[in-house]
Amino acid sequence: MAGYYEPLAEDAGVTVKVDGHAWVDADLTLYQRALSNLLSNALTYAPRGSVVTIDCVEQGGATTIAVSDTGPGIAAEHVGRIFERFYRVDPSRHDSASGTGLGLAIVRSIMDNHGGECGVDSEPGRRTTFWLRFPRRPAAIGA
């Protein structure tokens, strides 16, 4: 998935780095869509010369995929609404053609359909990390 974004990252002057590897029990197309939305946002907001990091961690009964960038960040008053449909943090900062405010709502819907969760941790001016947490499902009996 990260390889698909390499040309876009190069155009933006950003490096994409993947740390770790993990197994995710998910519909491949939906998983790719969720991760694609997060990567696209990270590349949009990451400053030239920076690194967008994808971290993959298996811990406890879940797998977490986190996408981090060092862009402007998201103020605390927006974090609680960022996954709402059509919500934009600051529409004046964006070209209206650059998005509809649906990408993160789609991510939340995909995670809900997988029994997982998604979230964001942001320190404005330092780092923003969006994460997807997929539950590990037990093997089917007789499999």
N, C-alpha and C. Protein backbone atom coordinates (compact mmCIF):
# COMPACT_ATOMS: atom_id res chain seq x y z
N MET A 1 0.83 -1.19 0.00
CA MET A 1 0.00 0.00 0.00
C MET A 1 0.87 1.25 0.00
N ALA A 2 1.92 1.25 0.83
CA ALA A 2 2.79 2.42 0.89
C ALA A 2 3.45 2.65 -0.46
N GLY A 3 3.78 1.57 -1.17
CA GLY A 3 4.41 1.69 -2.48
C GLY A 3 3.55 2.43 -3.47
N TYR A 4 2.25 2.25 -3.37
CA TYR A 4 1.31 2.93 -4.27
C TYR A 4 1.42 4.44 -4.10
N TYR A 5 1.71 4.88 -2.89
CA TYR A 5 1.77 6.31 -2.60
C TYR A 5 3.16 6.92 -2.78
N GLU A 6 4.16 6.11 -3.11
CA GLU A 6 5.51 6.64 -3.29
C GLU A 6 5.59 7.77 -4.30
N PRO A 7 5.00 7.64 -5.51
CA PRO A 7 5.09 8.75 -6.47
C PRO A 7 4.42 10.03 -5.94
N LEU A 8 3.29 9.90 -5.25
CA LEU A 8 2.64 11.07 -4.67
C LEU A 8 3.49 11.69 -3.57
N ALA A 9 4.12 10.82 -2.78
CA ALA A 9 4.99 11.30 -1.72
C ALA A 9 6.19 12.04 -2.30
N GLU A 10 6.77 11.49 -3.36
CA GLU A 10 7.90 12.16 -4.01
C GLU A 10 7.49 13.53 -4.53
N ASP A 11 6.33 13.60 -5.17
CA ASP A 11 5.84 14.89 -5.67
C ASP A 11 5.66 15.91 -4.54
N ALA A 12 5.25 15.42 -3.38
CA ALA A 12 5.03 16.30 -2.23
C ALA A 12 6.32 16.56 -1.45
N GLY A 13 7.41 15.88 -1.83
CA GLY A 13 8.68 16.05 -1.12
C GLY A 13 8.67 15.39 0.24
N VAL A 14 7.92 14.30 0.37
CA VAL A 14 7.75 13.59 1.63
C VAL A 14 8.20 12.14 1.47
N THR A 15 8.77 11.57 2.52
CA THR A 15 9.16 10.17 2.53
C THR A 15 8.13 9.37 3.32
N VAL A 16 7.76 8.19 2.82
CA VAL A 16 6.86 7.29 3.55
C VAL A 16 7.70 6.15 4.12
N LYS A 17 7.58 5.93 5.42
CA LYS A 17 8.36 4.90 6.12
C LYS A 17 7.39 3.95 6.81
N VAL A 18 7.61 2.65 6.65
CA VAL A 18 6.77 1.64 7.31
C VAL A 18 7.59 0.96 8.40
N ASP A 19 7.06 0.94 9.62
CA ASP A 19 7.71 0.27 10.74
C ASP A 19 6.83 -0.88 11.20
N GLY A 20 7.43 -2.06 11.31
CA GLY A 20 6.72 -3.23 11.79
C GLY A 20 5.90 -3.89 10.70
N HIS A 21 5.32 -5.00 11.07
CA HIS A 21 4.40 -5.70 10.19
C HIS A 21 3.39 -6.41 11.08
N ALA A 22 2.21 -6.58 10.56
CA ALA A 22 1.15 -7.18 11.36
C ALA A 22 0.12 -7.82 10.46
N TRP A 23 -0.62 -8.74 11.01
CA TRP A 23 -1.70 -9.41 10.30
C TRP A 23 -3.01 -8.74 10.70
N VAL A 24 -3.84 -8.45 9.71
CA VAL A 24 -5.13 -7.81 9.95
C VAL A 24 -6.22 -8.70 9.39
N ASP A 25 -7.22 -9.02 10.21
CA ASP A 25 -8.38 -9.79 9.77
C ASP A 25 -9.42 -8.79 9.28
N ALA A 26 -9.40 -8.52 7.95
CA ALA A 26 -10.27 -7.48 7.41
C ALA A 26 -10.55 -7.76 5.94
N ASP A 27 -11.62 -7.17 5.45
CA ASP A 27 -11.90 -7.16 4.02
C ASP A 27 -10.79 -6.33 3.37
N LEU A 28 -10.06 -6.93 2.44
CA LEU A 28 -8.89 -6.27 1.85
C LEU A 28 -9.23 -4.94 1.20
N THR A 29 -10.30 -4.90 0.42
CA THR A 29 -10.66 -3.66 -0.27
C THR A 29 -11.01 -2.55 0.73
N LEU A 30 -11.76 -2.88 1.76
CA LEU A 30 -12.13 -1.87 2.76
C LEU A 30 -10.92 -1.44 3.58
N TYR A 31 -10.06 -2.39 3.93
CA TYR A 31 -8.83 -2.05 4.66
C TYR A 31 -7.98 -1.08 3.83
N GLN A 32 -7.82 -1.40 2.55
CA GLN A 32 -7.03 -0.53 1.68
C GLN A 32 -7.66 0.86 1.58
N ARG A 33 -8.97 0.93 1.53
CA ARG A 33 -9.66 2.22 1.45
C ARG A 33 -9.41 3.05 2.70
N ALA A 34 -9.53 2.42 3.86
CA ALA A 34 -9.31 3.14 5.12
C ALA A 34 -7.87 3.65 5.20
N LEU A 35 -6.92 2.78 4.92
CA LEU A 35 -5.51 3.18 5.00
C LEU A 35 -5.19 4.23 3.94
N SER A 36 -5.77 4.08 2.77
CA SER A 36 -5.57 5.05 1.69
C SER A 36 -6.06 6.44 2.11
N ASN A 37 -7.20 6.52 2.75
CA ASN A 37 -7.72 7.82 3.21
C ASN A 37 -6.76 8.47 4.21
N LEU A 38 -6.22 7.66 5.13
CA LEU A 38 -5.30 8.21 6.12
C LEU A 38 -3.99 8.66 5.48
N LEU A 39 -3.47 7.84 4.56
CA LEU A 39 -2.22 8.21 3.88
C LEU A 39 -2.39 9.46 3.03
N SER A 40 -3.50 9.54 2.33
CA SER A 40 -3.76 10.71 1.49
C SER A 40 -3.80 11.98 2.33
N ASN A 41 -4.47 11.92 3.48
CA ASN A 41 -4.52 13.08 4.38
C ASN A 41 -3.12 13.43 4.89
N ALA A 42 -2.37 12.41 5.30
CA ALA A 42 -1.02 12.66 5.83
C ALA A 42 -0.14 13.34 4.78
N LEU A 43 -0.21 12.87 3.54
CA LEU A 43 0.60 13.47 2.48
C LEU A 43 0.14 14.90 2.17
N THR A 44 -1.14 15.16 2.34
CA THR A 44 -1.66 16.51 2.10
C THR A 44 -1.12 17.50 3.12
N TYR A 45 -1.01 17.09 4.38
CA TYR A 45 -0.65 18.01 5.44
C TYR A 45 0.82 17.96 5.87
N ALA A 46 1.55 16.93 5.48
CA ALA A 46 2.96 16.82 5.86
C ALA A 46 3.80 17.88 5.13
N PRO A 47 4.69 18.55 5.83
CA PRO A 47 5.54 19.54 5.17
C PRO A 47 6.60 18.87 4.29
N ARG A 48 7.04 19.57 3.26
CA ARG A 48 8.11 19.08 2.39
C ARG A 48 9.33 18.72 3.25
N GLY A 49 9.97 17.63 2.90
CA GLY A 49 11.16 17.19 3.61
C GLY A 49 10.88 16.36 4.85
N SER A 50 9.61 16.13 5.15
CA SER A 50 9.27 15.37 6.35
C SER A 50 9.03 13.90 6.02
N VAL A 51 8.75 13.13 7.06
CA VAL A 51 8.51 11.69 6.93
C VAL A 51 7.10 11.39 7.43
N VAL A 52 6.33 10.66 6.63
CA VAL A 52 5.05 10.10 7.06
C VAL A 52 5.35 8.66 7.47
N THR A 53 4.96 8.29 8.68
CA THR A 53 5.27 6.97 9.21
C THR A 53 4.01 6.13 9.33
N ILE A 54 4.11 4.87 8.90
CA ILE A 54 3.05 3.89 9.10
C ILE A 54 3.60 2.87 10.09
N ASP A 55 2.99 2.78 11.26
CA ASP A 55 3.41 1.82 12.28
C ASP A 55 2.39 0.71 12.37
N CYS A 56 2.87 -0.53 12.40
CA CYS A 56 2.01 -1.71 12.49
C CYS A 56 2.39 -2.46 13.76
N VAL A 57 1.42 -2.65 14.66
CA VAL A 57 1.71 -3.28 15.95
C VAL A 57 0.60 -4.26 16.30
N GLU A 58 1.00 -5.48 16.65
CA GLU A 58 0.06 -6.46 17.21
C GLU A 58 0.25 -6.43 18.72
N GLN A 59 -0.84 -6.20 19.45
CA GLN A 59 -0.75 -6.14 20.89
C GLN A 59 -2.06 -6.61 21.49
N GLY A 60 -1.96 -7.49 22.46
CA GLY A 60 -3.17 -8.01 23.08
C GLY A 60 -4.04 -8.70 22.04
N GLY A 61 -5.29 -8.36 22.00
CA GLY A 61 -6.22 -8.98 21.06
C GLY A 61 -6.50 -8.12 19.85
N ALA A 62 -5.56 -7.24 19.48
CA ALA A 62 -5.83 -6.34 18.37
C ALA A 62 -4.56 -6.01 17.59
N THR A 63 -4.78 -5.55 16.38
CA THR A 63 -3.70 -5.04 15.53
C THR A 63 -3.98 -3.56 15.29
N THR A 64 -2.97 -2.73 15.53
CA THR A 64 -3.12 -1.29 15.33
C THR A 64 -2.22 -0.84 14.19
N ILE A 65 -2.81 -0.12 13.26
CA ILE A 65 -2.09 0.51 12.16
C ILE A 65 -2.20 2.01 12.40
N ALA A 66 -1.06 2.69 12.52
CA ALA A 66 -1.06 4.13 12.81
C ALA A 66 -0.31 4.88 11.71
N VAL A 67 -0.87 5.99 11.27
CA VAL A 67 -0.27 6.84 10.24
C VAL A 67 0.01 8.20 10.88
N SER A 68 1.29 8.59 10.90
CA SER A 68 1.70 9.83 11.56
C SER A 68 2.35 10.80 10.59
N ASP A 69 2.09 12.09 10.82
CA ASP A 69 2.76 13.13 10.05
C ASP A 69 3.09 14.29 10.98
N THR A 70 3.95 15.19 10.50
CA THR A 70 4.37 16.34 11.30
C THR A 70 3.79 17.63 10.75
N GLY A 71 2.58 17.55 10.23
CA GLY A 71 1.90 18.72 9.69
C GLY A 71 1.39 19.63 10.78
N PRO A 72 0.44 20.51 10.45
CA PRO A 72 -0.03 21.53 11.39
C PRO A 72 -0.78 20.98 12.59
N GLY A 73 -1.29 19.77 12.49
CA GLY A 73 -2.02 19.19 13.61
C GLY A 73 -3.48 19.62 13.64
N ILE A 74 -4.18 19.11 14.64
CA ILE A 74 -5.61 19.35 14.79
C ILE A 74 -5.84 19.86 16.20
N ALA A 75 -6.45 21.02 16.33
CA ALA A 75 -6.73 21.59 17.64
C ALA A 75 -7.71 20.71 18.41
N ALA A 76 -7.58 20.70 19.72
CA ALA A 76 -8.38 19.83 20.59
C ALA A 76 -9.87 19.98 20.36
N GLU A 77 -10.34 21.19 20.07
CA GLU A 77 -11.79 21.38 19.89
C GLU A 77 -12.33 20.69 18.65
N HIS A 78 -11.47 20.29 17.73
CA HIS A 78 -11.91 19.62 16.51
C HIS A 78 -11.78 18.10 16.58
N VAL A 79 -10.95 17.60 17.48
CA VAL A 79 -10.66 16.17 17.52
C VAL A 79 -11.92 15.33 17.69
N GLY A 80 -12.84 15.74 18.53
CA GLY A 80 -14.05 14.97 18.77
C GLY A 80 -15.00 14.89 17.59
N ARG A 81 -14.84 15.79 16.62
CA ARG A 81 -15.77 15.83 15.48
C ARG A 81 -15.12 15.41 14.17
N ILE A 82 -13.85 15.15 14.18
CA ILE A 82 -13.09 14.95 12.94
C ILE A 82 -13.60 13.78 12.10
N PHE A 83 -14.26 12.79 12.72
CA PHE A 83 -14.76 11.64 11.97
C PHE A 83 -16.22 11.80 11.53
N GLU A 84 -16.81 12.98 11.76
CA GLU A 84 -18.18 13.24 11.33
C GLU A 84 -18.23 13.52 9.83
N ARG A 85 -19.33 13.12 9.21
CA ARG A 85 -19.49 13.39 7.77
C ARG A 85 -19.49 14.89 7.50
N PHE A 86 -18.79 15.27 6.46
CA PHE A 86 -18.69 16.65 5.95
C PHE A 86 -17.97 17.62 6.89
N TYR A 87 -17.42 17.12 8.00
CA TYR A 87 -16.74 18.02 8.92
C TYR A 87 -15.37 18.38 8.38
N ARG A 88 -15.05 19.65 8.34
CA ARG A 88 -13.74 20.14 7.91
C ARG A 88 -13.20 21.01 9.04
N VAL A 89 -11.96 20.82 9.39
CA VAL A 89 -11.38 21.58 10.50
C VAL A 89 -11.41 23.07 10.21
N ASP A 90 -10.92 23.48 9.05
CA ASP A 90 -10.90 24.90 8.69
C ASP A 90 -11.03 25.00 7.18
N PRO A 91 -12.25 25.11 6.69
CA PRO A 91 -12.46 25.12 5.24
C PRO A 91 -11.67 26.20 4.51
N SER A 92 -11.34 27.30 5.17
CA SER A 92 -10.61 28.37 4.50
C SER A 92 -9.18 27.97 4.17
N ARG A 93 -8.66 26.92 4.83
CA ARG A 93 -7.29 26.48 4.56
C ARG A 93 -7.20 25.59 3.34
N HIS A 94 -8.32 25.14 2.82
CA HIS A 94 -8.31 24.12 1.77
C HIS A 94 -8.93 24.63 0.49
N ASP A 95 -8.40 24.11 -0.60
CA ASP A 95 -9.04 24.29 -1.90
C ASP A 95 -10.30 23.43 -1.85
N SER A 96 -11.43 23.99 -2.20
CA SER A 96 -12.69 23.24 -2.10
C SER A 96 -12.68 21.97 -2.92
N ALA A 97 -11.83 21.90 -3.93
CA ALA A 97 -11.76 20.69 -4.76
C ALA A 97 -10.93 19.60 -4.09
N SER A 98 -10.23 19.92 -2.98
CA SER A 98 -9.32 18.96 -2.39
C SER A 98 -10.02 17.90 -1.54
N GLY A 99 -11.27 18.07 -1.20
CA GLY A 99 -11.94 17.07 -0.41
C GLY A 99 -13.35 17.49 -0.06
N THR A 100 -14.10 16.50 0.42
CA THR A 100 -15.50 16.74 0.74
C THR A 100 -15.80 16.66 2.23
N GLY A 101 -14.82 16.21 3.01
CA GLY A 101 -15.08 15.99 4.42
C GLY A 101 -15.71 14.64 4.69
N LEU A 102 -15.61 13.73 3.72
CA LEU A 102 -16.17 12.39 3.89
C LEU A 102 -15.13 11.32 4.19
N GLY A 103 -13.87 11.58 3.90
CA GLY A 103 -12.83 10.55 4.02
C GLY A 103 -12.75 9.90 5.38
N LEU A 104 -12.71 10.70 6.44
CA LEU A 104 -12.59 10.13 7.78
C LEU A 104 -13.90 9.50 8.25
N ALA A 105 -15.03 9.98 7.77
CA ALA A 105 -16.31 9.33 8.09
C ALA A 105 -16.35 7.95 7.45
N ILE A 106 -15.80 7.82 6.26
CA ILE A 106 -15.71 6.52 5.60
C ILE A 106 -14.80 5.60 6.40
N VAL A 107 -13.68 6.12 6.88
CA VAL A 107 -12.77 5.33 7.71
C VAL A 107 -13.51 4.81 8.94
N ARG A 108 -14.25 5.68 9.62
CA ARG A 108 -14.98 5.26 10.82
C ARG A 108 -16.01 4.17 10.48
N SER A 109 -16.71 4.33 9.37
CA SER A 109 -17.70 3.33 8.96
C SER A 109 -17.04 1.98 8.69
N ILE A 110 -15.91 2.00 8.02
CA ILE A 110 -15.17 0.76 7.74
C ILE A 110 -14.76 0.09 9.04
N MET A 111 -14.26 0.86 9.98
CA MET A 111 -13.84 0.28 11.25
C MET A 111 -15.03 -0.24 12.05
N ASP A 112 -16.15 0.47 12.02
CA ASP A 112 -17.36 -0.02 12.69
C ASP A 112 -17.78 -1.36 12.10
N ASN A 113 -17.71 -1.48 10.78
CA ASN A 113 -18.10 -2.73 10.11
C ASN A 113 -17.18 -3.89 10.46
N HIS A 114 -15.97 -3.60 10.89
CA HIS A 114 -15.01 -4.64 11.27
C HIS A 114 -14.99 -4.88 12.78
N GLY A 115 -15.86 -4.20 13.52
CA GLY A 115 -15.85 -4.33 14.97
C GLY A 115 -14.62 -3.70 15.60
N GLY A 116 -13.99 -2.81 14.86
CA GLY A 116 -12.78 -2.14 15.34
C GLY A 116 -13.06 -0.71 15.73
N GLU A 117 -12.01 0.04 15.87
CA GLU A 117 -12.15 1.44 16.21
C GLU A 117 -11.06 2.25 15.52
N CYS A 118 -11.28 3.55 15.46
CA CYS A 118 -10.29 4.45 14.88
C CYS A 118 -10.23 5.69 15.76
N GLY A 119 -9.13 6.40 15.65
CA GLY A 119 -9.00 7.61 16.44
C GLY A 119 -7.85 8.46 15.95
N VAL A 120 -7.65 9.55 16.66
CA VAL A 120 -6.58 10.48 16.31
C VAL A 120 -5.97 11.04 17.59
N ASP A 121 -4.67 11.18 17.57
CA ASP A 121 -3.92 11.86 18.62
C ASP A 121 -3.15 12.98 17.93
N SER A 122 -3.30 14.20 18.40
CA SER A 122 -2.65 15.31 17.72
C SER A 122 -2.07 16.32 18.71
N GLU A 123 -0.85 16.72 18.43
CA GLU A 123 -0.20 17.83 19.12
C GLU A 123 0.01 18.91 18.07
N PRO A 124 -0.86 19.92 18.03
CA PRO A 124 -0.73 20.95 17.00
C PRO A 124 0.69 21.50 16.90
N GLY A 125 1.16 21.58 15.66
CA GLY A 125 2.50 22.07 15.40
C GLY A 125 3.60 21.04 15.56
N ARG A 126 3.24 19.82 15.99
CA ARG A 126 4.26 18.78 16.21
C ARG A 126 3.97 17.51 15.42
N ARG A 127 2.88 16.83 15.77
CA ARG A 127 2.62 15.53 15.18
C ARG A 127 1.14 15.20 15.28
N THR A 128 0.65 14.52 14.24
CA THR A 128 -0.71 13.98 14.25
C THR A 128 -0.63 12.52 13.88
N THR A 129 -1.31 11.67 14.64
CA THR A 129 -1.35 10.24 14.37
C THR A 129 -2.80 9.79 14.31
N PHE A 130 -3.19 9.26 13.16
CA PHE A 130 -4.49 8.60 13.01
C PHE A 130 -4.24 7.12 13.13
N TRP A 131 -5.11 6.41 13.84
CA TRP A 131 -4.90 4.99 14.04
C TRP A 131 -6.17 4.18 13.78
N LEU A 132 -5.94 2.95 13.33
CA LEU A 132 -6.99 1.96 13.09
C LEU A 132 -6.68 0.78 14.00
N ARG A 133 -7.66 0.31 14.76
CA ARG A 133 -7.44 -0.84 15.63
C ARG A 133 -8.43 -1.93 15.23
N PHE A 134 -7.87 -3.02 14.70
CA PHE A 134 -8.66 -4.17 14.26
C PHE A 134 -8.59 -5.26 15.32
N PRO A 135 -9.74 -5.79 15.76
CA PRO A 135 -9.70 -6.90 16.71
C PRO A 135 -9.21 -8.17 16.01
N ARG A 136 -8.50 -9.00 16.76
CA ARG A 136 -8.12 -10.30 16.22
C ARG A 136 -9.25 -11.26 16.54
N ARG A 137 -9.70 -11.95 15.54
CA ARG A 137 -10.80 -12.89 15.74
C ARG A 137 -10.23 -14.28 15.98
N PRO A 138 -10.84 -15.04 16.88
CA PRO A 138 -10.36 -16.42 17.10
C PRO A 138 -10.58 -17.26 15.85
N ALA A 139 -9.73 -18.26 15.67
CA ALA A 139 -9.88 -19.16 14.52
C ALA A 139 -11.22 -19.88 14.62
N ALA A 140 -11.82 -20.12 13.48
CA ALA A 140 -13.11 -20.82 13.44
C ALA A 140 -12.92 -22.26 13.93
N ILE A 141 -13.91 -22.76 14.64
CA ILE A 141 -13.86 -24.14 15.14
C ILE A 141 -13.85 -25.09 13.95
N GLY A 142 -12.91 -26.02 14.00
CA GLY A 142 -12.82 -27.00 12.92
C GLY A 142 -12.02 -26.51 11.73
N ALA A 143 -11.46 -25.33 11.82
CA ALA A 143 -10.68 -24.79 10.69
C ALA A 143 -9.28 -25.33 10.69
